[in-house]
Amino acid sequence: MTPSALILMVISILILWGGLIAAIVALRLRPEVDAYPPGGEGTEHTGVIIEHDT
């Protein structure tokens, strides 16, 4: 492999694994959402079907 191909491979591997590690660290620091927006659980479906003209 050429040196430029190796450099590009190393950079892409660092970006990929760095993103994975950053996601794991972020999930370990804040694993759950503190508050959910209104309208989540407990809302009943009205049964009305919305049709759009396309």
PDB file of N, CA and C in Angstrom:
ATOM      1  N   MET A   1       0.842  -1.183   0.000  1.00  0.00           N
ATOM      2  CA  MET A   1       0.000   0.000   0.000  1.00  0.00           C
ATOM      3  C   MET A   1       0.883   1.240   0.000  1.00  0.00           C
ATOM      4  N   THR A   2       0.356   2.247  -0.633  1.00  0.00           N
ATOM      5  CA  THR A   2       1.111   3.496  -0.703  1.00  0.00           C
ATOM      6  C   THR A   2       0.976   4.246   0.620  1.00  0.00           C
ATOM      7  N   PRO A   3       1.911   5.131   0.902  1.00  0.00           N
ATOM      8  CA  PRO A   3       1.835   5.887   2.160  1.00  0.00           C
ATOM      9  C   PRO A   3       0.555   6.721   2.271  1.00  0.00           C
ATOM     10  N   SER A   4       0.087   7.287   1.177  1.00  0.00           N
ATOM     11  CA  SER A   4      -1.145   8.083   1.253  1.00  0.00           C
ATOM     12  C   SER A   4      -2.350   7.204   1.580  1.00  0.00           C
ATOM     13  N   ALA A   5      -2.382   5.973   1.064  1.00  0.00           N
ATOM     14  CA  ALA A   5      -3.478   5.056   1.374  1.00  0.00           C
ATOM     15  C   ALA A   5      -3.428   4.652   2.848  1.00  0.00           C
ATOM     16  N   LEU A   6      -2.250   4.430   3.375  1.00  0.00           N
ATOM     17  CA  LEU A   6      -2.122   4.077   4.787  1.00  0.00           C
ATOM     18  C   LEU A   6      -2.568   5.222   5.690  1.00  0.00           C
ATOM     19  N   ILE A   7      -2.176   6.432   5.341  1.00  0.00           N
ATOM     20  CA  ILE A   7      -2.572   7.599   6.143  1.00  0.00           C
ATOM     21  C   ILE A   7      -4.085   7.760   6.130  1.00  0.00           C
ATOM     22  N   LEU A   8      -4.696   7.623   4.958  1.00  0.00           N
ATOM     23  CA  LEU A   8      -6.140   7.739   4.863  1.00  0.00           C
ATOM     24  C   LEU A   8      -6.834   6.627   5.635  1.00  0.00           C
ATOM     25  N   MET A   9      -6.300   5.421   5.614  1.00  0.00           N
ATOM     26  CA  MET A   9      -6.875   4.311   6.360  1.00  0.00           C
ATOM     27  C   MET A   9      -6.796   4.565   7.859  1.00  0.00           C
ATOM     28  N   VAL A  10      -5.664   5.052   8.326  1.00  0.00           N
ATOM     29  CA  VAL A  10      -5.507   5.336   9.759  1.00  0.00           C
ATOM     30  C   VAL A  10      -6.453   6.440  10.193  1.00  0.00           C
ATOM     31  N   ILE A  11      -6.599   7.480   9.390  1.00  0.00           N
ATOM     32  CA  ILE A  11      -7.507   8.576   9.727  1.00  0.00           C
ATOM     33  C   ILE A  11      -8.949   8.076   9.792  1.00  0.00           C
ATOM     34  N   SER A  12      -9.344   7.265   8.832  1.00  0.00           N
ATOM     35  CA  SER A  12     -10.723   6.772   8.833  1.00  0.00           C
ATOM     36  C   SER A  12     -10.976   5.820  10.005  1.00  0.00           C
ATOM     37  N   ILE A  13     -10.008   5.011  10.358  1.00  0.00           N
ATOM     38  CA  ILE A  13     -10.153   4.117  11.511  1.00  0.00           C
ATOM     39  C   ILE A  13     -10.272   4.932  12.800  1.00  0.00           C
ATOM     40  N   LEU A  14      -9.464   5.993  12.924  1.00  0.00           N
ATOM     41  CA  LEU A  14      -9.538   6.842  14.115  1.00  0.00           C
ATOM     42  C   LEU A  14     -10.885   7.547  14.212  1.00  0.00           C
ATOM     43  N   ILE A  15     -11.427   7.999  13.094  1.00  0.00           N
ATOM     44  CA  ILE A  15     -12.739   8.654  13.106  1.00  0.00           C
ATOM     45  C   ILE A  15     -13.812   7.658  13.520  1.00  0.00           C
ATOM     46  N   LEU A  16     -13.785   6.470  12.951  1.00  0.00           N
ATOM     47  CA  LEU A  16     -14.793   5.459  13.253  1.00  0.00           C
ATOM     48  C   LEU A  16     -14.745   5.035  14.717  1.00  0.00           C
ATOM     49  N   TRP A  17     -13.591   4.612  15.197  1.00  0.00           N
ATOM     50  CA  TRP A  17     -13.469   4.142  16.571  1.00  0.00           C
ATOM     51  C   TRP A  17     -13.592   5.295  17.562  1.00  0.00           C
ATOM     52  N   GLY A  18     -13.150   6.471  17.182  1.00  0.00           N
ATOM     53  CA  GLY A  18     -13.294   7.640  18.054  1.00  0.00           C
ATOM     54  C   GLY A  18     -14.756   7.990  18.265  1.00  0.00           C
ATOM     55  N   GLY A  19     -15.555   7.887  17.192  1.00  0.00           N
ATOM     56  CA  GLY A  19     -16.984   8.141  17.329  1.00  0.00           C
ATOM     57  C   GLY A  19     -17.660   7.105  18.199  1.00  0.00           C
ATOM     58  N   LEU A  20     -17.258   5.857  18.065  1.00  0.00           N
ATOM     59  CA  LEU A  20     -17.821   4.799  18.898  1.00  0.00           C
ATOM     60  C   LEU A  20     -17.476   5.027  20.368  1.00  0.00           C
ATOM     61  N   ILE A  21     -16.245   5.360  20.640  1.00  0.00           N
ATOM     62  CA  ILE A  21     -15.821   5.612  22.025  1.00  0.00           C
ATOM     63  C   ILE A  21     -16.531   6.836  22.589  1.00  0.00           C
ATOM     64  N   ALA A  22     -16.687   7.887  21.781  1.00  0.00           N
ATOM     65  CA  ALA A  22     -17.387   9.091  22.244  1.00  0.00           C
ATOM     66  C   ALA A  22     -18.848   8.780  22.552  1.00  0.00           C
ATOM     67  N   ALA A  23     -19.489   7.946  21.740  1.00  0.00           N
ATOM     68  CA  ALA A  23     -20.882   7.570  21.986  1.00  0.00           C
ATOM     69  C   ALA A  23     -21.010   6.757  23.262  1.00  0.00           C
ATOM     70  N   ILE A  24     -20.086   5.844  23.495  1.00  0.00           N
ATOM     71  CA  ILE A  24     -20.126   5.028  24.716  1.00  0.00           C
ATOM     72  C   ILE A  24     -19.924   5.899  25.946  1.00  0.00           C
ATOM     73  N   VAL A  25     -18.981   6.822  25.886  1.00  0.00           N
ATOM     74  CA  VAL A  25     -18.733   7.717  27.022  1.00  0.00           C
ATOM     75  C   VAL A  25     -19.952   8.593  27.276  1.00  0.00           C
ATOM     76  N   ALA A  26     -20.570   9.117  26.222  1.00  0.00           N
ATOM     77  CA  ALA A  26     -21.752   9.967  26.394  1.00  0.00           C
ATOM     78  C   ALA A  26     -22.907   9.182  27.006  1.00  0.00           C
ATOM     79  N   LEU A  27     -23.089   7.932  26.594  1.00  0.00           N
ATOM     80  CA  LEU A  27     -24.163   7.120  27.171  1.00  0.00           C
ATOM     81  C   LEU A  27     -23.874   6.741  28.619  1.00  0.00           C
ATOM     82  N   ARG A  28     -22.630   6.563  28.965  1.00  0.00           N
ATOM     83  CA  ARG A  28     -22.310   6.231  30.360  1.00  0.00           C
ATOM     84  C   ARG A  28     -22.492   7.428  31.268  1.00  0.00           C
ATOM     85  N   LEU A  29     -22.258   8.641  30.746  1.00  0.00           N
ATOM     86  CA  LEU A  29     -22.431   9.832  31.569  1.00  0.00           C
ATOM     87  C   LEU A  29     -23.904  10.171  31.771  1.00  0.00           C
ATOM     88  N   ARG A  30     -24.725  10.033  30.731  1.00  0.00           N
ATOM     89  CA  ARG A  30     -26.156  10.338  30.814  1.00  0.00           C
ATOM     90  C   ARG A  30     -26.941   9.210  30.157  1.00  0.00           C
ATOM     91  N   PRO A  31     -27.204   8.122  30.871  1.00  0.00           N
ATOM     92  CA  PRO A  31     -27.842   6.956  30.257  1.00  0.00           C
ATOM     93  C   PRO A  31     -29.321   7.122  29.936  1.00  0.00           C
ATOM     94  N   GLU A  32     -30.042   7.971  30.669  1.00  0.00           N
ATOM     95  CA  GLU A  32     -31.475   8.106  30.460  1.00  0.00           C
ATOM     96  C   GLU A  32     -31.861   9.574  30.345  1.00  0.00           C
ATOM     97  N   VAL A  33     -32.972   9.813  29.664  1.00  0.00           N
ATOM     98  CA  VAL A  33     -33.493  11.159  29.524  1.00  0.00           C
ATOM     99  C   VAL A  33     -34.189  11.547  30.825  1.00  0.00           C
ATOM    100  N   ASP A  34     -33.917  12.766  31.305  1.00  0.00           N
ATOM    101  CA  ASP A  34     -34.519  13.214  32.560  1.00  0.00           C
ATOM    102  C   ASP A  34     -36.009  13.507  32.414  1.00  0.00           C
ATOM    103  N   ALA A  35     -36.378  14.164  31.326  1.00  0.00           N
ATOM    104  CA  ALA A  35     -37.785  14.529  31.130  1.00  0.00           C
ATOM    105  C   ALA A  35     -38.141  14.332  29.666  1.00  0.00           C
ATOM    106  N   TYR A  36     -39.314  13.794  29.443  1.00  0.00           N
ATOM    107  CA  TYR A  36     -39.795  13.573  28.087  1.00  0.00           C
ATOM    108  C   TYR A  36     -40.732  14.713  27.692  1.00  0.00           C
ATOM    109  N   PRO A  37     -40.842  15.020  26.412  1.00  0.00           N
ATOM    110  CA  PRO A  37     -41.775  16.069  25.990  1.00  0.00           C
ATOM    111  C   PRO A  37     -43.223  15.618  26.180  1.00  0.00           C
ATOM    112  N   PRO A  38     -44.152  16.556  26.313  1.00  0.00           N
ATOM    113  CA  PRO A  38     -45.553  16.164  26.519  1.00  0.00           C
ATOM    114  C   PRO A  38     -46.106  15.453  25.291  1.00  0.00           C
ATOM    115  N   GLY A  39     -47.101  14.603  25.537  1.00  0.00           N
ATOM    116  CA  GLY A  39     -47.759  13.902  24.447  1.00  0.00           C
ATOM    117  C   GLY A  39     -47.189  12.526  24.184  1.00  0.00           C
ATOM    118  N   GLY A  40     -46.426  12.020  25.085  1.00  0.00           N
ATOM    119  CA  GLY A  40     -45.822  10.703  24.901  1.00  0.00           C
ATOM    120  C   GLY A  40     -46.762   9.604  25.358  1.00  0.00           C
ATOM    121  N   GLU A  41     -46.446   8.970  26.446  1.00  0.00           N
ATOM    122  CA  GLU A  41     -47.254   7.872  26.961  1.00  0.00           C
ATOM    123  C   GLU A  41     -48.561   8.408  27.534  1.00  0.00           C
ATOM    124  N   GLY A  42     -49.609   7.588  27.451  1.00  0.00           N
ATOM    125  CA  GLY A  42     -50.894   7.952  28.041  1.00  0.00           C
ATOM    126  C   GLY A  42     -51.825   8.669  27.085  1.00  0.00           C
ATOM    127  N   THR A  43     -51.370   9.076  25.921  1.00  0.00           N
ATOM    128  CA  THR A  43     -52.274   9.725  24.979  1.00  0.00           C
ATOM    129  C   THR A  43     -53.023   8.654  24.204  1.00  0.00           C
ATOM    130  N   GLU A  44     -54.274   8.866  24.041  1.00  0.00           N
ATOM    131  CA  GLU A  44     -55.125   7.904  23.355  1.00  0.00           C
ATOM    132  C   GLU A  44     -55.215   8.243  21.873  1.00  0.00           C
ATOM    133  N   HIS A  45     -55.305   7.227  21.061  1.00  0.00           N
ATOM    134  CA  HIS A  45     -55.474   7.409  19.624  1.00  0.00           C
ATOM    135  C   HIS A  45     -56.946   7.687  19.352  1.00  0.00           C
ATOM    136  N   THR A  46     -57.239   8.723  18.566  1.00  0.00           N
ATOM    137  CA  THR A  46     -58.625   9.099  18.301  1.00  0.00           C
ATOM    138  C   THR A  46     -59.263   8.244  17.212  1.00  0.00           C
ATOM    139  N   GLY A  47     -58.496   7.511  16.448  1.00  0.00           N
ATOM    140  CA  GLY A  47     -59.029   6.667  15.406  1.00  0.00           C
ATOM    141  C   GLY A  47     -59.243   7.387  14.089  1.00  0.00           C
ATOM    142  N   VAL A  48     -58.929   8.655  14.028  1.00  0.00           N
ATOM    143  CA  VAL A  48     -59.116   9.429  12.804  1.00  0.00           C
ATOM    144  C   VAL A  48     -57.930   9.189  11.887  1.00  0.00           C
ATOM    145  N   ILE A  49     -58.226   8.862  10.625  1.00  0.00           N
ATOM    146  CA  ILE A  49     -57.173   8.655   9.630  1.00  0.00           C
ATOM    147  C   ILE A  49     -57.022   9.929   8.827  1.00  0.00           C
ATOM    148  N   ILE A  50     -55.824  10.453   8.793  1.00  0.00           N
ATOM    149  CA  ILE A  50     -55.551  11.683   8.050  1.00  0.00           C
ATOM    150  C   ILE A  50     -55.109  11.304   6.637  1.00  0.00           C
ATOM    151  N   GLU A  51     -55.823  11.857   5.650  1.00  0.00           N
ATOM    152  CA  GLU A  51     -55.467  11.590   4.264  1.00  0.00           C
ATOM    153  C   GLU A  51     -54.928  12.868   3.648  1.00  0.00           C
ATOM    154  N   HIS A  52     -53.845  12.749   2.917  1.00  0.00           N
ATOM    155  CA  HIS A  52     -53.226  13.897   2.252  1.00  0.00           C
ATOM    156  C   HIS A  52     -53.350  13.726   0.751  1.00  0.00           C
ATOM    157  N   ASP A  53     -53.650  14.825   0.060  1.00  0.00           N
ATOM    158  CA  ASP A  53     -53.653  14.789  -1.404  1.00  0.00           C
ATOM    159  C   ASP A  53     -52.234  14.877  -1.903  1.00  0.00           C
ATOM    160  N   THR A  54     -51.858  13.939  -2.748  1.00  0.00           N
ATOM    161  CA  THR A  54     -50.510  13.979  -3.311  1.00  0.00           C
ATOM    162  C   THR A  54     -50.547  14.096  -4.804  1.00  0.00           C
TER     163      THR A  54
END
